[in-house]
N, C-alpha and C. Protein backbone atom coordinates (compact mmCIF):
# COMPACT_ATOMS: atom_id res chain seq x y z
N MET A 1 4.20 -26.22 -1.91
CA MET A 1 3.18 -25.67 -1.04
C MET A 1 2.67 -24.37 -1.66
N THR A 2 1.37 -24.23 -1.77
CA THR A 2 0.79 -23.02 -2.34
C THR A 2 0.46 -22.04 -1.23
N ILE A 3 0.12 -20.84 -1.62
CA ILE A 3 -0.27 -19.82 -0.64
C ILE A 3 -1.50 -20.28 0.11
N ASP A 4 -2.46 -20.93 -0.59
CA ASP A 4 -3.67 -21.40 0.07
C ASP A 4 -3.35 -22.45 1.13
N ASP A 5 -2.35 -23.33 0.89
CA ASP A 5 -1.96 -24.32 1.89
C ASP A 5 -1.44 -23.66 3.15
N ARG A 6 -0.65 -22.60 2.98
CA ARG A 6 -0.10 -21.90 4.15
C ARG A 6 -1.20 -21.20 4.93
N GLN A 7 -2.21 -20.67 4.23
CA GLN A 7 -3.27 -19.94 4.91
C GLN A 7 -4.24 -20.86 5.63
N GLY A 8 -4.44 -22.07 5.13
CA GLY A 8 -5.50 -22.93 5.60
C GLY A 8 -5.42 -23.30 7.06
N SER A 9 -4.24 -23.42 7.63
CA SER A 9 -4.13 -23.96 8.97
C SER A 9 -4.53 -22.97 10.06
N GLN A 10 -4.11 -21.72 9.95
CA GLN A 10 -4.40 -20.74 10.99
C GLN A 10 -4.82 -19.43 10.35
N PRO A 11 -6.10 -19.25 10.06
CA PRO A 11 -6.52 -18.00 9.45
C PRO A 11 -6.29 -16.82 10.40
N GLY A 12 -5.97 -15.66 9.80
CA GLY A 12 -5.79 -14.46 10.58
C GLY A 12 -4.38 -14.21 11.06
N ARG A 13 -3.44 -15.09 10.75
CA ARG A 13 -2.05 -14.86 11.13
C ARG A 13 -1.50 -13.68 10.34
N ALA A 14 -0.55 -12.97 10.93
CA ALA A 14 0.01 -11.79 10.28
C ALA A 14 0.88 -12.13 9.09
N ASP A 15 1.32 -13.40 8.94
CA ASP A 15 2.16 -13.74 7.81
C ASP A 15 1.36 -14.35 6.66
N ASP A 16 0.03 -14.35 6.74
CA ASP A 16 -0.80 -14.80 5.63
C ASP A 16 -0.63 -13.86 4.45
N GLN A 17 -1.03 -14.35 3.30
CA GLN A 17 -0.91 -13.56 2.08
C GLN A 17 -2.25 -12.91 1.73
N VAL A 18 -2.19 -11.69 1.22
CA VAL A 18 -3.35 -10.99 0.69
C VAL A 18 -3.26 -11.10 -0.82
N LEU A 19 -4.35 -11.54 -1.45
CA LEU A 19 -4.37 -11.69 -2.91
C LEU A 19 -5.17 -10.55 -3.53
N GLU A 20 -4.71 -10.08 -4.68
CA GLU A 20 -5.39 -9.00 -5.39
C GLU A 20 -5.23 -9.21 -6.88
N SER A 21 -6.31 -8.99 -7.61
CA SER A 21 -6.25 -9.07 -9.07
C SER A 21 -5.71 -7.75 -9.61
N ALA A 22 -4.95 -7.86 -10.68
CA ALA A 22 -4.37 -6.66 -11.29
C ALA A 22 -4.20 -6.89 -12.79
N ARG A 23 -4.03 -5.78 -13.50
CA ARG A 23 -3.82 -5.83 -14.94
C ARG A 23 -2.45 -5.24 -15.24
N VAL A 24 -1.71 -5.88 -16.14
CA VAL A 24 -0.40 -5.39 -16.54
C VAL A 24 -0.58 -4.18 -17.45
N VAL A 25 0.04 -3.05 -17.07
CA VAL A 25 -0.08 -1.83 -17.88
C VAL A 25 1.24 -1.44 -18.55
N ALA A 26 2.35 -2.02 -18.08
CA ALA A 26 3.65 -1.75 -18.70
C ALA A 26 4.60 -2.88 -18.32
N VAL A 27 5.50 -3.21 -19.24
CA VAL A 27 6.46 -4.28 -19.00
C VAL A 27 7.86 -3.72 -19.15
N GLU A 28 8.72 -4.08 -18.21
CA GLU A 28 10.13 -3.68 -18.24
C GLU A 28 10.98 -4.92 -18.06
N PRO A 29 12.24 -4.85 -18.41
CA PRO A 29 13.11 -6.00 -18.11
C PRO A 29 13.14 -6.24 -16.60
N GLY A 30 12.82 -7.44 -16.19
CA GLY A 30 12.86 -7.79 -14.77
C GLY A 30 11.58 -7.54 -14.02
N GLY A 31 10.53 -7.04 -14.69
CA GLY A 31 9.29 -6.81 -13.96
C GLY A 31 8.22 -6.17 -14.81
N ALA A 32 7.12 -5.84 -14.15
CA ALA A 32 5.98 -5.23 -14.83
C ALA A 32 5.28 -4.26 -13.88
N TRP A 33 4.62 -3.28 -14.46
CA TRP A 33 3.81 -2.33 -13.69
C TRP A 33 2.36 -2.77 -13.78
N LEU A 34 1.67 -2.77 -12.64
CA LEU A 34 0.31 -3.26 -12.57
C LEU A 34 -0.63 -2.19 -12.02
N GLU A 35 -1.91 -2.31 -12.40
CA GLU A 35 -2.98 -1.52 -11.80
C GLU A 35 -4.02 -2.50 -11.30
N ALA A 36 -4.61 -2.18 -10.15
CA ALA A 36 -5.66 -3.05 -9.61
C ALA A 36 -6.80 -3.13 -10.59
N SER A 37 -7.37 -4.31 -10.73
CA SER A 37 -8.44 -4.53 -11.70
C SER A 37 -9.75 -3.88 -11.29
N SER A 38 -10.05 -3.89 -10.00
CA SER A 38 -11.36 -3.39 -9.57
C SER A 38 -11.31 -1.89 -9.34
N ALA A 39 -12.31 -1.20 -9.85
CA ALA A 39 -12.43 0.24 -9.64
C ALA A 39 -13.11 0.55 -8.32
N GLN A 40 -13.67 -0.48 -7.65
CA GLN A 40 -14.39 -0.26 -6.41
C GLN A 40 -13.49 -0.33 -5.19
N GLY A 41 -12.22 -0.51 -5.33
CA GLY A 41 -11.34 -0.59 -4.18
C GLY A 41 -11.27 -2.01 -3.63
N CYS A 42 -10.92 -2.11 -2.38
CA CYS A 42 -10.74 -3.43 -1.76
C CYS A 42 -12.10 -4.05 -1.42
N ALA A 43 -12.08 -5.26 -0.92
CA ALA A 43 -13.31 -5.96 -0.57
C ALA A 43 -14.10 -5.22 0.50
N ASN A 44 -13.40 -4.61 1.45
CA ASN A 44 -14.09 -3.85 2.49
C ASN A 44 -14.84 -2.66 1.90
N CYS A 45 -14.22 -1.97 0.93
CA CYS A 45 -14.91 -0.84 0.29
C CYS A 45 -16.14 -1.32 -0.47
N ARG A 46 -16.01 -2.44 -1.16
CA ARG A 46 -17.14 -2.98 -1.92
C ARG A 46 -18.28 -3.38 -0.99
N ASP A 47 -17.95 -3.79 0.24
CA ASP A 47 -18.97 -4.17 1.22
C ASP A 47 -19.48 -2.98 2.02
N GLY A 48 -18.96 -1.79 1.77
CA GLY A 48 -19.38 -0.60 2.49
C GLY A 48 -18.78 -0.50 3.88
N LYS A 49 -17.70 -1.23 4.17
CA LYS A 49 -17.09 -1.24 5.50
C LYS A 49 -15.70 -0.63 5.51
N GLY A 50 -15.24 -0.15 4.39
CA GLY A 50 -13.85 0.28 4.29
C GLY A 50 -13.65 1.73 4.68
N CYS A 51 -12.49 2.23 4.32
CA CYS A 51 -12.11 3.59 4.69
C CYS A 51 -12.70 4.63 3.74
N GLY A 52 -13.24 4.20 2.61
CA GLY A 52 -13.87 5.13 1.68
C GLY A 52 -12.97 5.67 0.60
N VAL A 53 -11.78 5.13 0.45
CA VAL A 53 -10.86 5.62 -0.58
C VAL A 53 -11.48 5.51 -1.97
N SER A 54 -12.22 4.42 -2.21
CA SER A 54 -12.81 4.23 -3.54
C SER A 54 -13.85 5.31 -3.83
N VAL A 55 -14.54 5.80 -2.80
CA VAL A 55 -15.52 6.87 -3.01
C VAL A 55 -14.81 8.12 -3.50
N PHE A 56 -13.68 8.47 -2.87
CA PHE A 56 -12.92 9.64 -3.29
C PHE A 56 -12.33 9.45 -4.68
N GLN A 57 -11.90 8.23 -4.99
CA GLN A 57 -11.37 7.98 -6.32
C GLN A 57 -12.42 8.23 -7.38
N ARG A 58 -13.65 7.79 -7.12
CA ARG A 58 -14.72 8.00 -8.10
C ARG A 58 -15.16 9.46 -8.15
N LEU A 59 -15.28 10.12 -6.99
CA LEU A 59 -15.74 11.50 -6.96
C LEU A 59 -14.76 12.46 -7.63
N PHE A 60 -13.48 12.30 -7.33
CA PHE A 60 -12.48 13.23 -7.81
C PHE A 60 -11.67 12.69 -8.99
N ARG A 61 -12.05 11.52 -9.48
CA ARG A 61 -11.36 10.87 -10.61
C ARG A 61 -9.86 10.82 -10.37
N LEU A 62 -9.50 10.33 -9.20
CA LEU A 62 -8.09 10.20 -8.85
C LEU A 62 -7.45 9.11 -9.70
N PRO A 63 -6.17 9.25 -10.02
CA PRO A 63 -5.53 8.21 -10.82
C PRO A 63 -5.39 6.93 -10.03
N ARG A 64 -5.43 5.83 -10.75
CA ARG A 64 -5.22 4.54 -10.10
C ARG A 64 -3.75 4.41 -9.72
N HIS A 65 -3.54 3.71 -8.63
CA HIS A 65 -2.17 3.51 -8.17
C HIS A 65 -1.55 2.35 -8.93
N ARG A 66 -0.31 2.53 -9.27
CA ARG A 66 0.44 1.47 -9.94
C ARG A 66 1.40 0.86 -8.95
N VAL A 67 1.64 -0.42 -9.14
CA VAL A 67 2.57 -1.14 -8.28
C VAL A 67 3.53 -1.91 -9.18
N TYR A 68 4.78 -1.95 -8.77
CA TYR A 68 5.80 -2.66 -9.54
C TYR A 68 5.88 -4.10 -9.06
N LEU A 69 5.88 -5.03 -10.00
CA LEU A 69 5.99 -6.45 -9.70
C LEU A 69 7.29 -6.98 -10.30
N PRO A 70 8.29 -7.22 -9.46
CA PRO A 70 9.52 -7.81 -9.99
C PRO A 70 9.26 -9.29 -10.32
N THR A 71 9.48 -9.67 -11.57
CA THR A 71 9.25 -11.05 -11.98
C THR A 71 10.02 -11.35 -13.26
N ASN A 72 10.36 -12.61 -13.43
CA ASN A 72 10.97 -13.07 -14.67
C ASN A 72 9.95 -13.71 -15.58
N GLU A 73 8.69 -13.79 -15.13
CA GLU A 73 7.60 -14.34 -15.93
C GLU A 73 7.39 -13.47 -17.17
N SER A 74 7.13 -14.11 -18.29
CA SER A 74 6.88 -13.40 -19.53
C SER A 74 5.46 -12.85 -19.52
N LEU A 75 5.32 -11.57 -19.23
CA LEU A 75 4.02 -10.92 -19.18
C LEU A 75 3.90 -9.92 -20.32
N ALA A 76 2.66 -9.63 -20.71
CA ALA A 76 2.40 -8.65 -21.76
C ALA A 76 1.38 -7.65 -21.25
N VAL A 77 1.40 -6.45 -21.81
CA VAL A 77 0.42 -5.43 -21.45
C VAL A 77 -0.98 -6.00 -21.73
N GLY A 78 -1.86 -5.87 -20.75
CA GLY A 78 -3.21 -6.38 -20.87
C GLY A 78 -3.43 -7.70 -20.15
N ASP A 79 -2.36 -8.40 -19.78
CA ASP A 79 -2.51 -9.65 -19.03
C ASP A 79 -3.14 -9.35 -17.67
N HIS A 80 -3.95 -10.28 -17.20
CA HIS A 80 -4.54 -10.17 -15.86
C HIS A 80 -3.83 -11.17 -14.97
N VAL A 81 -3.38 -10.69 -13.82
CA VAL A 81 -2.63 -11.52 -12.90
C VAL A 81 -3.23 -11.42 -11.51
N VAL A 82 -2.86 -12.35 -10.67
CA VAL A 82 -3.19 -12.30 -9.25
C VAL A 82 -1.86 -12.17 -8.52
N ILE A 83 -1.76 -11.13 -7.69
CA ILE A 83 -0.53 -10.90 -6.93
C ILE A 83 -0.81 -11.18 -5.46
N ALA A 84 0.25 -11.51 -4.75
CA ALA A 84 0.15 -11.79 -3.32
C ALA A 84 1.15 -10.92 -2.57
N MET A 85 0.73 -10.51 -1.37
CA MET A 85 1.63 -9.74 -0.53
C MET A 85 1.38 -10.14 0.92
N SER A 86 2.42 -10.15 1.68
CA SER A 86 2.35 -10.53 3.09
C SER A 86 1.49 -9.53 3.86
N GLN A 87 0.58 -10.06 4.69
CA GLN A 87 -0.21 -9.18 5.56
C GLN A 87 0.69 -8.42 6.52
N ARG A 88 1.77 -9.04 6.94
CA ARG A 88 2.72 -8.39 7.84
C ARG A 88 3.33 -7.17 7.17
N ALA A 89 3.72 -7.31 5.90
CA ALA A 89 4.31 -6.19 5.17
C ALA A 89 3.29 -5.05 5.01
N LEU A 90 2.03 -5.40 4.74
CA LEU A 90 0.99 -4.38 4.62
C LEU A 90 0.75 -3.68 5.95
N LEU A 91 0.78 -4.44 7.03
CA LEU A 91 0.59 -3.85 8.35
C LEU A 91 1.73 -2.88 8.69
N ILE A 92 2.95 -3.30 8.44
CA ILE A 92 4.10 -2.44 8.72
C ILE A 92 4.05 -1.17 7.87
N ALA A 93 3.74 -1.33 6.59
CA ALA A 93 3.64 -0.16 5.70
C ALA A 93 2.54 0.79 6.17
N SER A 94 1.42 0.24 6.63
CA SER A 94 0.31 1.08 7.11
C SER A 94 0.71 1.86 8.36
N VAL A 95 1.44 1.22 9.26
CA VAL A 95 1.90 1.91 10.46
C VAL A 95 2.78 3.10 10.08
N TRP A 96 3.71 2.87 9.15
CA TRP A 96 4.59 3.95 8.73
C TRP A 96 3.84 5.04 7.98
N LEU A 97 2.83 4.65 7.23
CA LEU A 97 2.09 5.63 6.43
C LEU A 97 1.11 6.45 7.25
N TYR A 98 0.46 5.82 8.22
CA TYR A 98 -0.59 6.51 8.97
C TYR A 98 -0.20 6.86 10.40
N LEU A 99 0.34 5.92 11.14
CA LEU A 99 0.57 6.12 12.57
C LEU A 99 1.75 7.05 12.85
N VAL A 100 2.84 6.89 12.12
CA VAL A 100 4.03 7.72 12.38
C VAL A 100 3.75 9.21 12.12
N PRO A 101 3.14 9.60 10.98
CA PRO A 101 2.83 11.02 10.80
C PRO A 101 1.85 11.56 11.85
N LEU A 102 0.86 10.75 12.21
CA LEU A 102 -0.09 11.19 13.23
C LEU A 102 0.61 11.38 14.57
N ALA A 103 1.50 10.46 14.92
CA ALA A 103 2.25 10.58 16.17
C ALA A 103 3.14 11.82 16.15
N GLY A 104 3.76 12.12 15.01
CA GLY A 104 4.58 13.33 14.91
C GLY A 104 3.76 14.59 15.10
N LEU A 105 2.62 14.64 14.46
CA LEU A 105 1.75 15.82 14.57
C LEU A 105 1.26 16.00 16.00
N LEU A 106 0.70 14.95 16.58
CA LEU A 106 0.14 15.06 17.94
C LEU A 106 1.21 15.20 19.01
N GLY A 107 2.30 14.44 18.85
CA GLY A 107 3.36 14.49 19.86
C GLY A 107 3.95 15.88 20.01
N VAL A 108 4.31 16.49 18.91
CA VAL A 108 4.90 17.83 18.96
C VAL A 108 3.87 18.85 19.45
N ALA A 109 2.62 18.72 19.00
CA ALA A 109 1.58 19.65 19.43
C ALA A 109 1.36 19.58 20.95
N ILE A 110 1.33 18.37 21.49
CA ILE A 110 1.11 18.20 22.93
C ILE A 110 2.28 18.77 23.74
N VAL A 111 3.50 18.49 23.29
CA VAL A 111 4.67 18.99 24.01
C VAL A 111 4.73 20.52 23.96
N LEU A 112 4.54 21.10 22.79
CA LEU A 112 4.60 22.56 22.69
C LEU A 112 3.46 23.24 23.44
N ASP A 113 2.30 22.63 23.43
CA ASP A 113 1.18 23.22 24.18
C ASP A 113 1.47 23.19 25.68
N ALA A 114 2.06 22.10 26.15
CA ALA A 114 2.39 21.99 27.57
C ALA A 114 3.49 22.97 27.97
N LEU A 115 4.45 23.20 27.06
CA LEU A 115 5.57 24.09 27.38
C LEU A 115 5.22 25.56 27.27
N PHE A 116 4.50 25.94 26.22
CA PHE A 116 4.32 27.36 25.94
C PHE A 116 2.87 27.84 26.03
N SER A 117 1.89 26.97 25.91
CA SER A 117 0.47 27.33 25.96
C SER A 117 0.11 28.47 25.00
N GLN A 118 0.76 28.50 23.87
CA GLN A 118 0.44 29.49 22.84
C GLN A 118 -0.05 28.75 21.59
N GLU A 119 -1.26 29.09 21.17
CA GLU A 119 -1.91 28.36 20.10
C GLU A 119 -1.11 28.40 18.78
N VAL A 120 -0.54 29.55 18.48
CA VAL A 120 0.21 29.69 17.23
C VAL A 120 1.42 28.76 17.22
N LEU A 121 2.16 28.72 18.33
CA LEU A 121 3.32 27.83 18.42
C LEU A 121 2.89 26.36 18.35
N THR A 122 1.78 26.06 18.99
CA THR A 122 1.29 24.68 18.98
C THR A 122 0.94 24.24 17.56
N VAL A 123 0.23 25.08 16.83
CA VAL A 123 -0.18 24.75 15.46
C VAL A 123 1.03 24.65 14.54
N LEU A 124 1.92 25.62 14.62
CA LEU A 124 3.12 25.59 13.77
C LEU A 124 4.01 24.39 14.11
N GLY A 125 4.14 24.12 15.40
CA GLY A 125 4.93 22.96 15.82
C GLY A 125 4.31 21.65 15.36
N ALA A 126 2.97 21.57 15.43
CA ALA A 126 2.28 20.36 14.97
C ALA A 126 2.52 20.14 13.49
N LEU A 127 2.44 21.20 12.71
CA LEU A 127 2.71 21.08 11.28
C LEU A 127 4.17 20.68 11.02
N GLY A 128 5.09 21.26 11.81
CA GLY A 128 6.49 20.88 11.70
C GLY A 128 6.71 19.42 12.08
N GLY A 129 6.02 18.96 13.14
CA GLY A 129 6.11 17.56 13.54
C GLY A 129 5.57 16.63 12.48
N LEU A 130 4.49 17.05 11.82
CA LEU A 130 3.92 16.25 10.73
C LEU A 130 4.90 16.15 9.57
N VAL A 131 5.48 17.27 9.18
CA VAL A 131 6.43 17.27 8.06
C VAL A 131 7.66 16.42 8.40
N ALA A 132 8.17 16.54 9.61
CA ALA A 132 9.33 15.75 10.02
C ALA A 132 8.99 14.26 10.03
N ALA A 133 7.82 13.91 10.55
CA ALA A 133 7.42 12.50 10.59
C ALA A 133 7.20 11.95 9.18
N LEU A 134 6.66 12.77 8.28
CA LEU A 134 6.50 12.34 6.89
C LEU A 134 7.86 12.10 6.24
N ALA A 135 8.85 12.95 6.56
CA ALA A 135 10.20 12.75 6.03
C ALA A 135 10.81 11.45 6.55
N VAL A 136 10.61 11.16 7.83
CA VAL A 136 11.11 9.91 8.42
C VAL A 136 10.40 8.72 7.77
N ALA A 137 9.09 8.81 7.59
CA ALA A 137 8.33 7.73 6.97
C ALA A 137 8.77 7.52 5.52
N ARG A 138 9.05 8.60 4.82
CA ARG A 138 9.52 8.49 3.44
C ARG A 138 10.88 7.80 3.38
N ALA A 139 11.78 8.15 4.28
CA ALA A 139 13.09 7.50 4.32
C ALA A 139 12.95 6.02 4.64
N GLN A 140 12.06 5.68 5.57
CA GLN A 140 11.81 4.28 5.90
C GLN A 140 11.22 3.54 4.69
N GLN A 141 10.33 4.18 3.98
CA GLN A 141 9.73 3.57 2.79
C GLN A 141 10.79 3.26 1.75
N ARG A 142 11.75 4.13 1.59
CA ARG A 142 12.85 3.88 0.64
C ARG A 142 13.70 2.69 1.09
N ARG A 143 13.99 2.60 2.39
CA ARG A 143 14.74 1.46 2.91
C ARG A 143 13.97 0.17 2.69
N GLN A 144 12.68 0.19 2.94
CA GLN A 144 11.86 -1.00 2.74
C GLN A 144 11.81 -1.40 1.27
N ALA A 145 11.74 -0.43 0.38
CA ALA A 145 11.70 -0.73 -1.05
C ALA A 145 13.01 -1.38 -1.49
N ARG A 146 14.14 -0.92 -0.95
CA ARG A 146 15.43 -1.52 -1.31
C ARG A 146 15.56 -2.94 -0.77
N SER A 147 14.89 -3.24 0.35
CA SER A 147 15.00 -4.57 0.94
C SER A 147 14.30 -5.63 0.09
N GLY A 148 13.30 -5.23 -0.70
CA GLY A 148 12.59 -6.17 -1.57
C GLY A 148 11.49 -6.93 -0.87
N GLY A 149 11.41 -6.87 0.43
CA GLY A 149 10.39 -7.61 1.16
C GLY A 149 9.00 -7.02 1.06
N PHE A 150 8.89 -5.84 0.51
CA PHE A 150 7.59 -5.17 0.45
C PHE A 150 7.02 -5.14 -0.96
N PHE A 151 7.63 -5.89 -1.87
CA PHE A 151 7.09 -6.01 -3.22
C PHE A 151 6.10 -7.16 -3.25
N PRO A 152 5.07 -7.04 -4.08
CA PRO A 152 4.18 -8.20 -4.24
C PRO A 152 4.89 -9.30 -5.02
N VAL A 153 4.34 -10.50 -4.95
CA VAL A 153 4.85 -11.63 -5.73
C VAL A 153 3.73 -12.11 -6.64
N LEU A 154 4.13 -12.68 -7.76
CA LEU A 154 3.15 -13.19 -8.71
C LEU A 154 2.57 -14.50 -8.17
N HIS A 155 1.28 -14.52 -7.96
CA HIS A 155 0.59 -15.73 -7.48
C HIS A 155 0.18 -16.59 -8.67
N GLU A 156 -0.44 -15.96 -9.68
CA GLU A 156 -0.81 -16.68 -10.89
C GLU A 156 -1.14 -15.69 -12.00
N VAL A 157 -1.03 -16.17 -13.23
CA VAL A 157 -1.47 -15.40 -14.38
C VAL A 157 -2.90 -15.87 -14.64
N ALA A 158 -3.86 -14.98 -14.45
CA ALA A 158 -5.26 -15.35 -14.55
C ALA A 158 -5.74 -15.37 -15.99
N LEU A 159 -5.28 -14.43 -16.81
CA LEU A 159 -5.74 -14.32 -18.18
C LEU A 159 -4.65 -13.68 -19.02
N ARG A 160 -4.22 -14.38 -20.04
CA ARG A 160 -3.22 -13.82 -20.95
C ARG A 160 -3.91 -13.04 -22.04
N GLN A 161 -3.32 -11.91 -22.38
CA GLN A 161 -3.83 -11.09 -23.48
C GLN A 161 -3.59 -11.84 -24.78
N ALA A 162 -4.60 -11.96 -25.62
CA ALA A 162 -4.46 -12.67 -26.90
C ALA A 162 -3.57 -11.86 -27.83
N ASP A 163 -2.67 -12.54 -28.53
CA ASP A 163 -1.81 -11.86 -29.49
C ASP A 163 -2.63 -11.37 -30.66
N SER A 164 -2.41 -10.11 -31.05
CA SER A 164 -3.16 -9.54 -32.17
C SER A 164 -2.45 -9.77 -33.48
């Protein structure tokens, strides 16, 4: 059964796979490091409907993000591959990356404002709540990385680099 077979029956399920093209930039025993092939970001960014990360990448020349792909497939630097990742895993990672820090910042700010009504304490507490929530999210990210469920999987090798 291919990924497309699993997706075909019920589109929009949280366990569907997201596919992305990438280029191999480094190879290690047991895996490879990849960079996304498109400089325009995700499909939503290319359609003008996304969060705008690609705009900031182009404006500030931010480095491309690398992702580790654990695989026993024989890959070489320059190969183009298609990777797949569970939509559920992306959703969970997004919640930890965005929602938890926001909840820490706002939660502590609201509680301190209600208790003390002093702007300085509210602002300092909000920053402390943000830092604490980021630390919790970072610890969760490490646990998720050790579990292996949040790594992409190799869907296909789209183009092999020609041997020189």
